[in-house]
């Protein structure tokens, strides 16, 4: 099994902001008999992007500000889940 198709699906997942499915597909791309090496770099970029989001949410929480997300939930509620 080749990892390239899994990497391509992972990229599509991140375009529709389904980061968990993206991580799963990147792992599959790396765990195949013919791994797609670039999937590791792509997964690291995804982790970095999410780390930045988490840091911004924590800063907002500490400062007492509440930011509405696209779905209307406050950042604080997202952190509690």
N, C-alpha and C. Protein backbone atom coordinates (compact mmCIF):
# COMPACT_ATOMS: atom_id res chain seq x y z
N UNK A 1 0.85 -1.19 0.00
CA UNK A 1 0.00 0.00 0.00
C UNK A 1 0.89 1.24 0.00
N UNK A 2 0.52 2.21 -0.80
CA UNK A 2 1.27 3.45 -0.92
C UNK A 2 0.66 4.53 -0.02
N UNK A 3 1.52 5.41 0.50
CA UNK A 3 1.07 6.46 1.39
C UNK A 3 0.58 7.73 0.71
N UNK A 4 0.93 7.89 -0.56
CA UNK A 4 0.57 9.13 -1.26
C UNK A 4 -0.93 9.41 -1.27
N UNK A 5 -1.79 8.42 -1.58
CA UNK A 5 -3.24 8.72 -1.55
C UNK A 5 -3.73 9.18 -0.17
N UNK A 6 -3.19 8.58 0.90
CA UNK A 6 -3.59 9.00 2.24
C UNK A 6 -3.16 10.45 2.51
N UNK A 7 -1.99 10.82 2.03
CA UNK A 7 -1.52 12.20 2.19
C UNK A 7 -2.45 13.17 1.46
N UNK A 8 -2.86 12.79 0.25
CA UNK A 8 -3.75 13.66 -0.52
C UNK A 8 -5.10 13.83 0.18
N UNK A 9 -5.62 12.75 0.73
CA UNK A 9 -6.88 12.85 1.47
C UNK A 9 -6.70 13.71 2.72
N UNK A 10 -5.54 13.59 3.38
CA UNK A 10 -5.27 14.41 4.57
C UNK A 10 -5.28 15.89 4.21
N UNK A 11 -4.70 16.23 3.09
CA UNK A 11 -4.69 17.64 2.66
C UNK A 11 -6.12 18.12 2.44
N UNK A 12 -6.94 17.30 1.81
CA UNK A 12 -8.35 17.67 1.61
C UNK A 12 -9.07 17.85 2.94
N UNK A 13 -8.78 16.98 3.90
CA UNK A 13 -9.40 17.10 5.23
C UNK A 13 -9.05 18.43 5.88
N UNK A 14 -7.80 18.85 5.75
CA UNK A 14 -7.42 20.11 6.37
C UNK A 14 -8.04 21.30 5.66
N UNK A 15 -8.33 21.18 4.36
CA UNK A 15 -9.03 22.26 3.65
C UNK A 15 -10.44 22.45 4.19
N UNK A 16 -11.08 21.35 4.60
CA UNK A 16 -12.43 21.50 5.15
C UNK A 16 -12.41 21.55 6.67
N UNK A 17 -11.25 21.85 7.23
CA UNK A 17 -10.99 22.04 8.67
C UNK A 17 -11.35 20.83 9.53
N UNK A 18 -11.15 19.64 8.99
CA UNK A 18 -11.32 18.42 9.77
C UNK A 18 -9.92 17.93 10.13
N UNK A 19 -9.30 18.63 11.09
CA UNK A 19 -7.90 18.38 11.42
C UNK A 19 -7.66 16.99 12.01
N UNK A 20 -8.61 16.48 12.76
CA UNK A 20 -8.43 15.15 13.35
C UNK A 20 -8.35 14.08 12.24
N UNK A 21 -9.24 14.16 11.28
CA UNK A 21 -9.19 13.23 10.16
C UNK A 21 -7.90 13.42 9.37
N UNK A 22 -7.44 14.67 9.28
CA UNK A 22 -6.18 14.95 8.60
C UNK A 22 -5.01 14.26 9.28
N UNK A 23 -4.95 14.35 10.60
CA UNK A 23 -3.87 13.69 11.35
C UNK A 23 -3.93 12.19 11.12
N UNK A 24 -5.12 11.63 11.20
CA UNK A 24 -5.28 10.19 10.98
C UNK A 24 -4.72 9.79 9.61
N UNK A 25 -5.07 10.54 8.58
CA UNK A 25 -4.61 10.22 7.23
C UNK A 25 -3.10 10.42 7.08
N UNK A 26 -2.54 11.44 7.74
CA UNK A 26 -1.09 11.61 7.68
C UNK A 26 -0.38 10.43 8.34
N UNK A 27 -0.92 9.96 9.45
CA UNK A 27 -0.33 8.78 10.11
C UNK A 27 -0.43 7.57 9.20
N UNK A 28 -1.57 7.39 8.56
CA UNK A 28 -1.71 6.28 7.61
C UNK A 28 -0.71 6.41 6.47
N UNK A 29 -0.49 7.64 6.00
CA UNK A 29 0.47 7.86 4.90
C UNK A 29 1.88 7.46 5.31
N UNK A 30 2.19 7.61 6.58
CA UNK A 30 3.52 7.26 7.08
C UNK A 30 3.64 5.79 7.45
N UNK A 31 2.53 5.15 7.79
CA UNK A 31 2.57 3.77 8.27
C UNK A 31 2.43 2.73 7.15
N UNK A 32 2.29 3.18 5.93
CA UNK A 32 2.14 2.26 4.80
C UNK A 32 3.45 1.57 4.47
N UNK A 33 3.32 0.51 3.68
CA UNK A 33 4.50 -0.20 3.22
C UNK A 33 5.39 0.71 2.39
N UNK A 34 4.79 1.60 1.62
CA UNK A 34 5.52 2.62 0.86
C UNK A 34 5.14 3.99 1.42
N UNK A 35 5.75 4.40 2.53
CA UNK A 35 5.35 5.65 3.19
C UNK A 35 5.63 6.87 2.32
N UNK A 36 4.79 7.88 2.53
CA UNK A 36 4.96 9.16 1.84
C UNK A 36 5.65 10.09 2.83
N UNK A 37 6.94 10.29 2.66
CA UNK A 37 7.77 10.99 3.65
C UNK A 37 7.30 12.42 3.91
N UNK A 38 6.79 13.09 2.93
CA UNK A 38 6.36 14.48 3.09
C UNK A 38 5.18 14.59 4.05
N UNK A 39 4.47 13.50 4.28
CA UNK A 39 3.33 13.52 5.20
C UNK A 39 3.78 13.94 6.60
N UNK A 40 4.99 13.58 6.99
CA UNK A 40 5.50 13.98 8.31
C UNK A 40 5.59 15.50 8.41
N UNK A 41 6.13 16.13 7.39
CA UNK A 41 6.24 17.59 7.39
C UNK A 41 4.86 18.23 7.39
N UNK A 42 3.96 17.67 6.60
CA UNK A 42 2.60 18.21 6.55
C UNK A 42 1.91 18.09 7.90
N UNK A 43 2.11 16.95 8.57
CA UNK A 43 1.49 16.76 9.88
C UNK A 43 2.09 17.73 10.90
N UNK A 44 3.38 17.97 10.83
CA UNK A 44 4.00 18.93 11.75
C UNK A 44 3.45 20.34 11.53
N UNK A 45 3.22 20.70 10.27
CA UNK A 45 2.62 22.01 9.98
C UNK A 45 1.21 22.10 10.57
N UNK A 46 0.47 21.02 10.48
CA UNK A 46 -0.88 20.99 11.05
C UNK A 46 -0.82 21.14 12.57
N UNK A 47 0.10 20.44 13.21
CA UNK A 47 0.27 20.57 14.67
C UNK A 47 0.66 22.00 15.04
N UNK A 48 1.57 22.60 14.28
CA UNK A 48 1.98 23.99 14.56
C UNK A 48 0.80 24.95 14.44
N UNK A 49 -0.01 24.75 13.40
CA UNK A 49 -1.19 25.61 13.20
C UNK A 49 -2.13 25.49 14.40
N UNK A 50 -2.38 24.28 14.84
CA UNK A 50 -3.28 24.08 15.97
C UNK A 50 -2.69 24.54 17.28
N UNK A 51 -1.39 24.42 17.43
CA UNK A 51 -0.73 24.94 18.64
C UNK A 51 -0.93 26.46 18.72
N UNK A 52 -0.78 27.14 17.59
CA UNK A 52 -1.00 28.58 17.56
C UNK A 52 -2.43 28.95 17.94
N UNK A 53 -3.40 28.19 17.43
CA UNK A 53 -4.80 28.44 17.79
C UNK A 53 -5.02 28.25 19.28
N UNK A 54 -4.45 27.19 19.83
CA UNK A 54 -4.62 26.91 21.26
C UNK A 54 -3.98 28.00 22.11
N UNK A 55 -2.81 28.47 21.72
CA UNK A 55 -2.15 29.54 22.48
C UNK A 55 -2.98 30.82 22.46
N UNK A 56 -3.56 31.15 21.30
CA UNK A 56 -4.41 32.36 21.22
C UNK A 56 -5.64 32.22 22.11
N UNK A 57 -6.24 31.04 22.10
CA UNK A 57 -7.42 30.82 22.95
C UNK A 57 -7.06 30.94 24.43
N UNK A 58 -5.92 30.38 24.83
CA UNK A 58 -5.49 30.48 26.22
C UNK A 58 -5.21 31.93 26.62
N UNK A 59 -4.59 32.69 25.73
CA UNK A 59 -4.33 34.10 26.04
C UNK A 59 -5.63 34.86 26.21
N UNK A 60 -6.61 34.59 25.35
CA UNK A 60 -7.90 35.26 25.48
C UNK A 60 -8.59 34.87 26.78
N UNK A 61 -8.46 33.62 27.14
CA UNK A 61 -9.09 33.16 28.39
C UNK A 61 -8.45 33.84 29.59
N UNK A 62 -7.13 33.94 29.58
CA UNK A 62 -6.42 34.57 30.70
C UNK A 62 -6.72 36.06 30.79
N UNK A 63 -6.94 36.69 29.65
CA UNK A 63 -7.20 38.13 29.66
C UNK A 63 -8.67 38.44 29.96
N UNK A 64 -9.48 37.41 30.05
CA UNK A 64 -10.88 37.61 30.40
C UNK A 64 -11.76 37.90 29.20
N UNK A 65 -11.18 38.00 28.02
CA UNK A 65 -11.96 38.25 26.82
C UNK A 65 -12.59 36.98 26.31
N UNK A 66 -13.75 37.15 25.73
CA UNK A 66 -14.42 36.00 25.14
C UNK A 66 -14.55 36.25 23.65
N UNK A 67 -14.10 35.29 22.90
CA UNK A 67 -14.15 35.39 21.45
C UNK A 67 -15.15 34.37 20.94
N UNK A 68 -16.00 34.79 20.04
CA UNK A 68 -16.97 33.88 19.44
C UNK A 68 -16.31 33.14 18.28
N UNK A 69 -16.55 31.85 18.22
CA UNK A 69 -16.04 31.05 17.12
C UNK A 69 -17.07 31.05 16.00
N UNK A 70 -16.74 30.39 14.91
CA UNK A 70 -17.66 30.33 13.78
C UNK A 70 -18.99 29.70 14.15
N UNK A 71 -18.97 28.77 15.08
CA UNK A 71 -20.21 28.09 15.46
C UNK A 71 -20.94 28.79 16.60
N UNK A 72 -20.39 29.91 17.08
CA UNK A 72 -21.07 30.68 18.10
C UNK A 72 -20.70 30.31 19.52
N UNK A 73 -19.81 29.35 19.74
CA UNK A 73 -19.37 28.98 21.09
C UNK A 73 -18.27 29.91 21.53
N UNK A 74 -18.20 30.20 22.82
CA UNK A 74 -17.12 31.03 23.31
C UNK A 74 -15.85 30.22 23.37
N UNK A 75 -14.71 30.87 23.31
CA UNK A 75 -13.41 30.19 23.37
C UNK A 75 -13.27 29.45 24.70
N UNK A 76 -13.80 30.01 25.76
CA UNK A 76 -13.69 29.37 27.07
C UNK A 76 -14.44 28.03 27.07
N UNK A 77 -15.58 27.98 26.49
CA UNK A 77 -16.35 26.73 26.44
C UNK A 77 -15.60 25.67 25.64
N UNK A 78 -14.94 26.06 24.57
CA UNK A 78 -14.16 25.12 23.77
C UNK A 78 -13.01 24.54 24.58
N UNK A 79 -12.41 25.35 25.41
CA UNK A 79 -11.30 24.87 26.21
C UNK A 79 -11.74 23.90 27.29
N UNK A 80 -12.96 24.03 27.75
CA UNK A 80 -13.46 23.16 28.80
C UNK A 80 -13.85 21.79 28.29
N UNK A 81 -14.11 21.66 26.99
CA UNK A 81 -14.54 20.38 26.41
C UNK A 81 -13.43 19.40 26.28
